[in-house]
C-alpha atoms as a PDB file:
ATOM      1  CA  MET A   1      83.016 117.959 105.148  1.00  0.00           C
ATOM      2  CA  SER A   2      82.422 119.638 101.801  1.00  0.00           C
ATOM      3  CA  ALA A   3      80.461 118.024  98.998  1.00  0.00           C
ATOM      4  CA  PRO A   4      82.517 116.340  96.250  1.00  0.00           C
ATOM      5  CA  ALA A   5      83.286 118.461  93.229  1.00  0.00           C
ATOM      6  CA  PRO A   6      80.937 117.920  90.298  1.00  0.00           C
ATOM      7  CA  ALA A   7      82.302 115.790  87.483  1.00  0.00           C
ATOM      8  CA  LEU A   8      83.521 117.697  84.454  1.00  0.00           C
ATOM      9  CA  PRO A   9      82.708 116.563  80.901  1.00  0.00           C
ATOM     10  CA  LEU A  10      85.244 114.279  79.234  1.00  0.00           C
ATOM     11  CA  THR A  11      86.351 115.955  76.010  1.00  0.00           C
ATOM     12  CA  GLU A  12      88.969 114.943  73.429  1.00  0.00           C
ATOM     13  CA  ILE A  13      91.577 116.792  75.510  1.00  0.00           C
ATOM     14  CA  ILE A  14      91.225 117.357  79.247  1.00  0.00           C
ATOM     15  CA  ARG A  15      93.140 119.529  81.668  1.00  0.00           C
ATOM     16  CA  VAL A  16      94.507 117.882  84.791  1.00  0.00           C
ATOM     17  CA  ARG A  17      96.077 119.462  87.837  1.00  0.00           C
ATOM     18  CA  VAL A  18      98.548 117.228  89.658  1.00  0.00           C
ATOM     19  CA  GLY A  19     101.019 117.765  92.437  1.00  0.00           C
ATOM     20  CA  PHE A  20     102.152 117.037  95.951  1.00  0.00           C
ATOM     21  CA  SER A  21     103.312 118.505  99.235  1.00  0.00           C
ATOM     22  CA  LEU A  22     105.831 116.564 101.328  1.00  0.00           C
ATOM     23  CA  THR A  23     107.095 117.517 104.788  1.00  0.00           C
ATOM     24  CA  PHE A  24     110.212 116.020 106.352  1.00  0.00           C
ATOM     25  CA  ASP A  25     111.811 116.247 109.761  1.00  0.00           C
ATOM     26  CA  VAL A  26     115.535 116.597 109.059  1.00  0.00           C
ATOM     27  CA  PRO A  27     117.763 116.021 112.136  1.00  0.00           C
ATOM     28  CA  PHE A  28     121.075 116.739 110.415  1.00  0.00           C
ATOM     29  CA  PRO A  29     122.296 117.741 106.934  1.00  0.00           C
ATOM     30  CA  THR A  30     120.892 115.111 104.575  1.00  0.00           C
ATOM     31  CA  PRO A  31     121.384 114.639 100.818  1.00  0.00           C
ATOM     32  CA  MET A  32     118.036 113.965  99.125  1.00  0.00           C
ATOM     33  CA  LEU A  33     116.827 112.961  95.657  1.00  0.00           C
ATOM     34  CA  PHE A  34     113.313 113.412  94.279  1.00  0.00           C
ATOM     35  CA  VAL A  35     111.841 111.777  91.159  1.00  0.00           C
ATOM     36  CA  VAL A  36     108.608 113.746  90.944  1.00  0.00           C
ATOM     37  CA  GLU A  37     108.665 115.950  87.844  1.00  0.00           C
ATOM     38  CA  PRO A  38     106.573 114.984  84.782  1.00  0.00           C
ATOM     39  CA  GLN A  39     107.976 115.827  81.368  1.00  0.00           C
ATOM     40  CA  GLU A  40     106.541 116.709  78.002  1.00  0.00           C
ATOM     41  CA  ARG A  41     105.783 113.459  76.185  1.00  0.00           C
ATOM     42  CA  PRO A  42     103.591 112.453  73.255  1.00  0.00           C
ATOM     43  CA  GLY A  43     100.051 112.873  74.541  1.00  0.00           C
ATOM     44  CA  GLN A  44     101.198 114.706  77.684  1.00  0.00           C
ATOM     45  CA  ARG A  45     101.492 118.487  77.416  1.00  0.00           C
ATOM     46  CA  LEU A  46     102.701 120.523  80.381  1.00  0.00           C
ATOM     47  CA  LEU A  47     101.183 124.001  80.625  1.00  0.00           C
ATOM     48  CA  GLU A  48     102.418 125.332  83.968  1.00  0.00           C
ATOM     49  CA  SER A  49     104.647 124.084  86.744  1.00  0.00           C
ATOM     50  CA  ARG A  50     105.584 125.496  90.142  1.00  0.00           C
ATOM     51  CA  ARG A  51     108.032 124.183  92.713  1.00  0.00           C
ATOM     52  CA  LEU A  52     107.991 125.573  96.247  1.00  0.00           C
ATOM     53  CA  ILE A  53     110.406 124.956  99.115  1.00  0.00           C
ATOM     54  CA  GLU A  54     109.054 126.343 102.376  1.00  0.00           C
ATOM     55  CA  PRO A  55     111.328 128.379 104.629  1.00  0.00           C
ATOM     56  CA  GLY A  56     112.262 126.766 107.915  1.00  0.00           C
ATOM     57  CA  ALA A  57     114.840 124.330 106.624  1.00  0.00           C
ATOM     58  CA  GLY A  58     117.298 125.623 104.111  1.00  0.00           C
ATOM     59  CA  VAL A  59     118.540 123.588 101.181  1.00  0.00           C
ATOM     60  CA  THR A  60     121.803 123.841  99.302  1.00  0.00           C
ATOM     61  CA  HIS A  61     123.262 122.092  96.264  1.00  0.00           C
ATOM     62  CA  LEU A  62     119.817 122.325  94.647  1.00  0.00           C
ATOM     63  CA  HIS A  63     119.771 121.356  90.984  1.00  0.00           C
ATOM     64  CA  ARG A  64     118.068 119.157  88.383  1.00  0.00           C
ATOM     65  CA  TYR A  65     119.631 116.501  86.187  1.00  0.00           C
ATOM     66  CA  PHE A  66     118.561 113.650  83.909  1.00  0.00           C
ATOM     67  CA  ASP A  67     119.292 110.062  84.903  1.00  0.00           C
ATOM     68  CA  ALA A  68     120.215 107.156  82.613  1.00  0.00           C
ATOM     69  CA  HIS A  69     116.523 106.529  81.843  1.00  0.00           C
ATOM     70  CA  GLY A  70     115.817 110.140  80.879  1.00  0.00           C
ATOM     71  CA  ASN A  71     113.947 110.986  84.086  1.00  0.00           C
ATOM     72  CA  VAL A  72     114.262 114.371  85.790  1.00  0.00           C
ATOM     73  CA  ILE A  73     115.915 114.151  89.220  1.00  0.00           C
ATOM     74  CA  TRP A  74     115.877 116.890  91.845  1.00  0.00           C
ATOM     75  CA  ARG A  75     118.990 116.821  94.004  1.00  0.00           C
ATOM     76  CA  MET A  76     119.532 118.819  97.190  1.00  0.00           C
ATOM     77  CA  LEU A  77     121.200 118.919 100.580  1.00  0.00           C
ATOM     78  CA  ALA A  78     118.547 119.535 103.239  1.00  0.00           C
ATOM     79  CA  GLN A  79     119.649 121.368 106.374  1.00  0.00           C
ATOM     80  CA  PRO A  80     118.382 120.500 109.880  1.00  0.00           C
ATOM     81  CA  GLY A  81     114.802 121.497 110.619  1.00  0.00           C
ATOM     82  CA  THR A  82     111.423 121.033 108.964  1.00  0.00           C
ATOM     83  CA  LEU A  83     111.499 120.806 105.179  1.00  0.00           C
ATOM     84  CA  THR A  84     108.327 121.152 103.121  1.00  0.00           C
ATOM     85  CA  ILE A  85     108.629 120.803  99.370  1.00  0.00           C
ATOM     86  CA  SER A  86     105.734 120.955  96.933  1.00  0.00           C
ATOM     87  CA  HIS A  87     105.111 120.828  93.209  1.00  0.00           C
ATOM     88  CA  ASP A  88     102.032 121.932  91.304  1.00  0.00           C
ATOM     89  CA  VAL A  89     101.527 121.110  87.616  1.00  0.00           C
ATOM     90  CA  MET A  90      98.840 121.879  85.057  1.00  0.00           C
ATOM     91  CA  ALA A  91      98.819 119.447  82.134  1.00  0.00           C
ATOM     92  CA  GLU A  92      96.699 118.450  79.163  1.00  0.00           C
ATOM     93  CA  VAL A  93      96.190 114.821  78.206  1.00  0.00           C
ATOM     94  CA  SER A  94      93.741 112.785  76.173  1.00  0.00           C
ATOM     95  CA  GLY A  95      90.207 112.563  77.490  1.00  0.00           C
ATOM     96  CA  ARG A  96      90.036 108.997  76.217  1.00  0.00           C
ATOM     97  CA  PRO A  97      90.961 105.856  78.182  1.00  0.00           C
ATOM     98  CA  ASP A  98      94.378 104.224  77.810  1.00  0.00           C
ATOM     99  CA  PRO A  99      94.621 102.955  74.204  1.00  0.00           C
ATOM    100  CA  GLN A 100      94.211  99.235  73.566  1.00  0.00           C
ATOM    101  CA  PHE A 101      95.861  97.222  70.765  1.00  0.00           C
ATOM    102  CA  PRO A 102      94.686  93.625  71.232  1.00  0.00           C
ATOM    103  CA  ASP A 103      96.124  92.359  67.931  1.00  0.00           C
ATOM    104  CA  LEU A 104      99.732  93.438  68.513  1.00  0.00           C
ATOM    105  CA  PRO A 105     102.146  90.534  68.054  1.00  0.00           C
ATOM    106  CA  LYS A 106     105.150  89.642  70.146  1.00  0.00           C
ATOM    107  CA  THR A 107     108.532  90.818  68.827  1.00  0.00           C
ATOM    108  CA  LEU A 108     111.248  88.179  68.635  1.00  0.00           C
ATOM    109  CA  VAL A 109     114.219  88.919  70.882  1.00  0.00           C
ATOM    110  CA  GLU A 110     116.568  89.085  67.892  1.00  0.00           C
ATOM    111  CA  ASP A 111     114.417  91.839  66.383  1.00  0.00           C
ATOM    112  CA  LEU A 112     114.176  94.018  69.494  1.00  0.00           C
ATOM    113  CA  PRO A 113     115.941  97.412  69.558  1.00  0.00           C
ATOM    114  CA  ASP A 114     119.192  97.388  71.500  1.00  0.00           C
ATOM    115  CA  ASP A 115     117.951  99.823  74.131  1.00  0.00           C
ATOM    116  CA  THR A 116     115.073  97.537  75.139  1.00  0.00           C
ATOM    117  CA  LEU A 117     117.228  94.506  75.965  1.00  0.00           C
ATOM    118  CA  ARG A 118     118.042  95.674  79.506  1.00  0.00           C
ATOM    119  CA  PHE A 119     114.314  95.455  80.216  1.00  0.00           C
ATOM    120  CA  LEU A 120     114.404  91.689  79.635  1.00  0.00           C
ATOM    121  CA  LEU A 121     116.731  91.061  82.581  1.00  0.00           C
ATOM    122  CA  PRO A 122     115.880  90.446  86.238  1.00  0.00           C
ATOM    123  CA  SER A 123     116.279  93.477  88.490  1.00  0.00           C
ATOM    124  CA  ARG A 124     116.177  94.278  92.198  1.00  0.00           C
ATOM    125  CA  TYR A 125     112.385  94.078  92.609  1.00  0.00           C
ATOM    126  CA  ALA A 126     111.389  92.405  89.330  1.00  0.00           C
ATOM    127  CA  ASP A 127     112.939  88.980  89.933  1.00  0.00           C
ATOM    128  CA  SER A 128     111.714  87.464  86.685  1.00  0.00           C
ATOM    129  CA  ASP A 129     114.093  84.508  86.940  1.00  0.00           C
ATOM    130  CA  LEU A 130     112.189  83.271  90.006  1.00  0.00           C
ATOM    131  CA  LEU A 131     108.844  83.535  88.201  1.00  0.00           C
ATOM    132  CA  ALA A 132     109.923  82.061  84.848  1.00  0.00           C
ATOM    133  CA  ALA A 133     108.509  78.575  85.412  1.00  0.00           C
ATOM    134  CA  GLU A 134     105.146  79.976  86.540  1.00  0.00           C
ATOM    135  CA  ALA A 135     105.096  82.423  83.622  1.00  0.00           C
ATOM    136  CA  TRP A 136     105.642  79.818  80.931  1.00  0.00           C
ATOM    137  CA  GLU A 137     103.261  77.311  82.494  1.00  0.00           C
ATOM    138  CA  ARG A 138     100.462  79.850  82.899  1.00  0.00           C
ATOM    139  CA  PHE A 139     100.941  82.152  79.889  1.00  0.00           C
ATOM    140  CA  GLY A 140     103.378  80.453  77.507  1.00  0.00           C
ATOM    141  CA  HIS A 141     100.639  78.926  75.342  1.00  0.00           C
ATOM    142  CA  ILE A 142      98.915  82.257  74.635  1.00  0.00           C
ATOM    143  CA  GLN A 143      99.452  83.589  71.122  1.00  0.00           C
ATOM    144  CA  GLY A 144     100.154  87.271  70.533  1.00  0.00           C
ATOM    145  CA  GLY A 145     102.157  89.776  72.539  1.00  0.00           C
ATOM    146  CA  TRP A 146      99.274  91.952  73.684  1.00  0.00           C
ATOM    147  CA  ALA A 147      97.196  88.893  74.509  1.00  0.00           C
ATOM    148  CA  GLN A 148      99.971  87.504  76.698  1.00  0.00           C
ATOM    149  CA  VAL A 149     100.481  90.754  78.600  1.00  0.00           C
ATOM    150  CA  GLN A 150      96.751  91.269  79.048  1.00  0.00           C
ATOM    151  CA  ALA A 151      96.475  87.718  80.378  1.00  0.00           C
ATOM    152  CA  ILE A 152      99.179  88.564  82.918  1.00  0.00           C
ATOM    153  CA  SER A 153      97.277  91.672  83.999  1.00  0.00           C
ATOM    154  CA  ASP A 154      93.996  89.741  84.200  1.00  0.00           C
ATOM    155  CA  HIS A 155      95.574  87.030  86.318  1.00  0.00           C
ATOM    156  CA  LEU A 156      97.267  89.420  88.741  1.00  0.00           C
ATOM    157  CA  TYR A 157      94.100  91.460  89.159  1.00  0.00           C
ATOM    158  CA  GLY A 158      92.056  88.348  89.829  1.00  0.00           C
ATOM    159  CA  SER A 159      94.474  86.475  92.062  1.00  0.00           C
ATOM    160  CA  CYS A 160      96.083  89.189  94.195  1.00  0.00           C
ATOM    161  CA  MET A 161      94.099  91.196  96.722  1.00  0.00           C
ATOM    162  CA  TYR A 162      94.792  94.911  96.885  1.00  0.00           C
ATOM    163  CA  GLY A 163      96.028  95.851 100.332  1.00  0.00           C
ATOM    164  CA  VAL A 164      99.061  96.696 102.386  1.00  0.00           C
ATOM    165  CA  GLY A 165     101.087  93.605 103.097  1.00  0.00           C
ATOM    166  CA  SER A 166     104.420  94.422 101.532  1.00  0.00           C
ATOM    167  CA  ASN A 167     107.274  96.728 102.456  1.00  0.00           C
ATOM    168  CA  SER A 168     110.093  98.576 100.731  1.00  0.00           C
ATOM    169  CA  THR A 169     112.054  95.359 100.137  1.00  0.00           C
ATOM    170  CA  THR A 170     109.232  93.159  98.776  1.00  0.00           C
ATOM    171  CA  THR A 171     109.986  91.671  95.359  1.00  0.00           C
ATOM    172  CA  ALA A 172     107.604  90.571  92.627  1.00  0.00           C
ATOM    173  CA  GLN A 173     108.023  86.910  93.562  1.00  0.00           C
ATOM    174  CA  GLN A 174     107.344  87.614  97.235  1.00  0.00           C
ATOM    175  CA  ALA A 175     104.243  89.689  96.502  1.00  0.00           C
ATOM    176  CA  TYR A 176     102.924  87.023  94.132  1.00  0.00           C
ATOM    177  CA  ALA A 177     103.452  84.306  96.741  1.00  0.00           C
ATOM    178  CA  SER A 178     101.626  86.348  99.382  1.00  0.00           C
ATOM    179  CA  GLY A 179      98.604  87.076  97.176  1.00  0.00           C
ATOM    180  CA  LYS A 180      98.439  90.628  98.511  1.00  0.00           C
ATOM    181  CA  ALA A 181      99.747  93.723  96.771  1.00  0.00           C
ATOM    182  CA  VAL A 182      99.739  97.500  96.446  1.00  0.00           C
ATOM    183  CA  CYS A 183     100.183  99.280  93.120  1.00  0.00           C
ATOM    184  CA  ARG A 184     103.978  99.075  93.311  1.00  0.00           C
ATOM    185  CA  ASP A 185     103.762  95.286  93.731  1.00  0.00           C
ATOM    186  CA  PHE A 186     101.260  94.895  90.882  1.00  0.00           C
ATOM    187  CA  ALA A 187     103.665  96.810  88.642  1.00  0.00           C
ATOM    188  CA  HIS A 188     106.666  94.722  89.696  1.00  0.00           C
ATOM    189  CA  MET A 189     104.771  91.473  89.138  1.00  0.00           C
ATOM    190  CA  GLY A 190     103.629  92.598  85.689  1.00  0.00           C
ATOM    191  CA  VAL A 191     107.180  93.574  84.764  1.00  0.00           C
ATOM    192  CA  ALA A 192     108.628  90.300  86.039  1.00  0.00           C
ATOM    193  CA  PHE A 193     106.138  88.051  84.240  1.00  0.00           C
ATOM    194  CA  CYS A 194     106.613  89.929  80.961  1.00  0.00           C
ATOM    195  CA  ARG A 195     110.389  89.667  81.157  1.00  0.00           C
ATOM    196  CA  ALA A 196     110.132  85.967  81.950  1.00  0.00           C
ATOM    197  CA  LEU A 197     108.248  85.599  78.634  1.00  0.00           C
ATOM    198  CA  ASN A 198     110.899  87.614  76.731  1.00  0.00           C
ATOM    199  CA  ILE A 199     108.729  90.734  76.484  1.00  0.00           C
ATOM    200  CA  PRO A 200     110.614  93.914  77.490  1.00  0.00           C
ATOM    201  CA  ALA A 201     108.837  95.580  80.389  1.00  0.00           C
ATOM    202  CA  ARG A 202     109.550  98.556  82.597  1.00  0.00           C
ATOM    203  CA  TYR A 203     108.178 100.094  85.772  1.00  0.00           C
ATOM    204  CA  ALA A 204     106.241 103.363  85.398  1.00  0.00           C
ATOM    205  CA  CYS A 205     105.074 105.827  88.020  1.00  0.00           C
ATOM    206  CA  GLY A 206     103.058 109.002  88.108  1.00  0.00           C
ATOM    207  CA  TYR A 207      99.598 110.316  88.903  1.00  0.00           C
ATOM    208  CA  LEU A 208      96.209 108.710  88.314  1.00  0.00           C
ATOM    209  CA  GLY A 209      93.176 110.518  89.676  1.00  0.00           C
ATOM    210  CA  ASP A 210      89.581 109.313  89.798  1.00  0.00           C
ATOM    211  CA  ILE A 211      88.697 110.785  86.406  1.00  0.00           C
ATOM    212  CA  GLY A 212      85.777 109.298  84.508  1.00  0.00           C
ATOM    213  CA  ILE A 213      84.996 106.941  87.389  1.00  0.00           C
ATOM    214  CA  PRO A 214      83.292 107.337  90.783  1.00  0.00           C
ATOM    215  CA  PRO A 215      85.733 108.406  93.531  1.00  0.00           C
ATOM    216  CA  ASP A 216      86.903 105.350  95.461  1.00  0.00           C
ATOM    217  CA  GLY A 217      87.300 107.186  98.765  1.00  0.00           C
ATOM    218  CA  VAL A 218      90.954 106.179  99.161  1.00  0.00           C
ATOM    219  CA  PRO A 219      93.331 109.083  99.920  1.00  0.00           C
ATOM    220  CA  MET A 220      95.210 110.141  96.798  1.00  0.00           C
ATOM    221  CA  ASP A 221      98.767 108.858  96.423  1.00  0.00           C
ATOM    222  CA  PHE A 222     101.337 108.489  93.692  1.00  0.00           C
ATOM    223  CA  HIS A 223     100.580 105.526  91.429  1.00  0.00           C
ATOM    224  CA  ALA A 224     102.613 102.804  89.701  1.00  0.00           C
ATOM    225  CA  TRP A 225     101.890 100.660  86.647  1.00  0.00           C
ATOM    226  CA  PHE A 226     103.975  98.912  83.994  1.00  0.00           C
ATOM    227  CA  GLU A 227     104.749  99.273  80.319  1.00  0.00           C
ATOM    228  CA  ALA A 228     105.424  96.456  77.853  1.00  0.00           C
ATOM    229  CA  TYR A 229     107.283  96.937  74.586  1.00  0.00           C
ATOM    230  CA  LEU A 230     104.897  95.816  71.843  1.00  0.00           C
ATOM    231  CA  GLY A 231     104.566  96.892  68.230  1.00  0.00           C
ATOM    232  CA  GLY A 232     107.602  99.160  68.406  1.00  0.00           C
ATOM    233  CA  GLN A 233     106.349 101.257  71.347  1.00  0.00           C
ATOM    234  CA  TRP A 234     105.921 101.137  75.094  1.00  0.00           C
ATOM    235  CA  ARG A 235     102.305 100.265  75.954  1.00  0.00           C
ATOM    236  CA  THR A 236     100.512 100.949  79.229  1.00  0.00           C
ATOM    237  CA  PHE A 237      99.161  98.152  81.440  1.00  0.00           C
ATOM    238  CA  ASP A 238      97.829  98.577  84.963  1.00  0.00           C
ATOM    239  CA  ALA A 239      97.222  95.323  86.827  1.00  0.00           C
ATOM    240  CA  ARG A 240      96.056  97.196  89.923  1.00  0.00           C
ATOM    241  CA  HIS A 241      92.919  98.437  88.134  1.00  0.00           C
ATOM    242  CA  ASN A 242      92.991  96.195  85.027  1.00  0.00           C
ATOM    243  CA  LYS A 243      90.912  98.519  82.900  1.00  0.00           C
ATOM    244  CA  PRO A 244      91.746 101.500  80.679  1.00  0.00           C
ATOM    245  CA  ARG A 245      91.813 104.724  82.682  1.00  0.00           C
ATOM    246  CA  ILE A 246      91.641 108.428  81.840  1.00  0.00           C
ATOM    247  CA  GLY A 247      94.019 111.187  82.899  1.00  0.00           C
ATOM    248  CA  ARG A 248      97.193 109.210  83.571  1.00  0.00           C
ATOM    249  CA  ILE A 249     100.234 111.496  84.048  1.00  0.00           C
ATOM    250  CA  LEU A 250     103.607 109.779  83.679  1.00  0.00           C
ATOM    251  CA  ILE A 251     106.501 110.980  85.840  1.00  0.00           C
ATOM    252  CA  ALA A 252     109.239 108.411  85.277  1.00  0.00           C
ATOM    253  CA  THR A 253     110.164 104.932  84.065  1.00  0.00           C
ATOM    254  CA  GLY A 254     112.901 102.499  85.054  1.00  0.00           C
ATOM    255  CA  ARG A 255     113.802  98.869  85.555  1.00  0.00           C
ATOM    256  CA  ASP A 256     111.833  98.833  88.823  1.00  0.00           C
ATOM    257  CA  ALA A 257     111.091 101.071  91.809  1.00  0.00           C
ATOM    258  CA  ALA A 258     114.769 101.231  92.732  1.00  0.00           C
ATOM    259  CA  ASP A 259     115.324 103.454  89.687  1.00  0.00           C
ATOM    260  CA  VAL A 260     112.386 105.792  90.270  1.00  0.00           C
ATOM    261  CA  ALA A 261     111.725 106.052  94.013  1.00  0.00           C
ATOM    262  CA  PHE A 262     109.844 109.304  94.567  1.00  0.00           C
ATOM    263  CA  THR A 263     112.201 110.233  97.399  1.00  0.00           C
ATOM    264  CA  THR A 264     115.610 108.897  98.369  1.00  0.00           C
ATOM    265  CA  THR A 265     117.292 110.197 101.517  1.00  0.00           C
ATOM    266  CA  PHE A 266     120.905 109.552 102.451  1.00  0.00           C
ATOM    267  CA  GLY A 267     120.344 110.010 106.161  1.00  0.00           C
ATOM    268  CA  ALA A 268     117.652 110.089 108.815  1.00  0.00           C
ATOM    269  CA  ALA A 269     115.150 112.516 107.253  1.00  0.00           C
ATOM    270  CA  ARG A 270     111.649 111.340 108.218  1.00  0.00           C
ATOM    271  CA  LEU A 271     108.528 111.943 106.131  1.00  0.00           C
ATOM    272  CA  THR A 272     105.889 113.408 108.460  1.00  0.00           C
ATOM    273  CA  GLN A 273     103.195 114.599 106.037  1.00  0.00           C
ATOM    274  CA  MET A 274     102.217 113.849 102.446  1.00  0.00           C
ATOM    275  CA  THR A 275      99.450 115.264 100.302  1.00  0.00           C
ATOM    276  CA  VAL A 276      98.993 114.284  96.648  1.00  0.00           C
ATOM    277  CA  TRP A 277      96.410 115.607  94.202  1.00  0.00           C
ATOM    278  CA  ALA A 278      95.347 114.634  90.673  1.00  0.00           C
ATOM    279  CA  ASP A 279      92.131 116.243  89.485  1.00  0.00           C
ATOM    280  CA  GLN A 280      90.442 117.160  86.252  1.00  0.00           C
ATOM    281  CA  VAL A 281      89.917 120.926  86.098  1.00  0.00           C
ATOM    282  CA  PRO A 282      88.175 123.235  83.601  1.00  0.00           C
ATOM    283  CA  LEU A 283      89.965 123.693  80.277  1.00  0.00           C
ATOM    284  CA  ASP A 284      90.637 127.356  81.081  1.00  0.00           C
ATOM    285  CA  ALA A 285      91.935 126.714  84.611  1.00  0.00           C
ATOM    286  CA  GLU A 286      95.316 128.089  85.650  1.00  0.00           C
ATOM    287  CA  LEU A 287      97.473 127.550  88.695  1.00  0.00           C
ATOM    288  CA  PRO A 288      96.673 130.012  91.486  1.00  0.00           C
ATOM    289  CA  GLU A 289      99.239 132.733  92.026  1.00  0.00           C
ATOM    290  CA  ASP A 290     100.381 131.400  95.388  1.00  0.00           C
ATOM    291  CA  GLY A 291     100.955 127.932  93.947  1.00  0.00           C
ATOM    292  CA  ARG A 292      98.899 126.329  96.714  1.00  0.00           C
ATOM    293  CA  PRO A 293      96.200 123.663  96.438  1.00  0.00           C
ATOM    294  CA  HIS A 294      93.018 125.377  95.326  1.00  0.00           C
ATOM    295  CA  ASP A 295      89.381 124.352  94.977  1.00  0.00           C
ATOM    296  CA  TYR A 296      88.073 125.284  91.517  1.00  0.00           C
ATOM    297  CA  TRP A 297      84.481 124.658  92.650  1.00  0.00           C
ATOM    298  CA  GLU A 298      84.388 126.765  95.813  1.00  0.00           C
END
């Protein structure tokens, strides 16, 4: 086992390499959707990007489109066989932790922009109507929008144990009742409690490596958090970690995980292997020519 890579200095801007490799066993022609491509956003600059589909299982009908939330969707028809698809991205983001705005007030519903109102309503996994009584009893007395959302994050972090106990159908209310959650559940609970308090909230997913913190030893995976609409912008909250983090790369946002599942298969395709990476790299680093995972410290 090789020694861990040495930590790089945290500068005003850092370079982060993110990506994945997914392998599927496809028994018969199967339509598939992937929500895995980051976009240029304020504070998130994409420098290079490579997509690779391994030979062995052909794909047809391959194209990209934007969904109703502005996310990039890959659409394809996978043919029978073994399909391996990978994506490698070099990006630049702030070297500072997630920004904090503790004095931001709550916006009255009548003053909210029209396009945020859908994020006040219950959705498939963010069943805010079932958590409304708990939300108002526990957080309704707190003054200030940021203060309320931070109190939600604090409570979820302190009361729910991180660990596998949910499945693909678990809702926010069910995860909260169980007291056990993975990042997807923490995000759904945060969204649901915010909506119950009339604060627009949406589910966010992407990459979050161990940058600026000691490695936690857990295999890298995609990550989920939530965003609350405060002070005229969407603000980042992460109840799974409950502290500002460095190097977050946003892929997509939606009402809940139903809108932004990383993979959706309309058939019996089975995921057999998954590798995800999210690492800080030197500021002059580039993607290797073959587009494969590469160790910058070898």
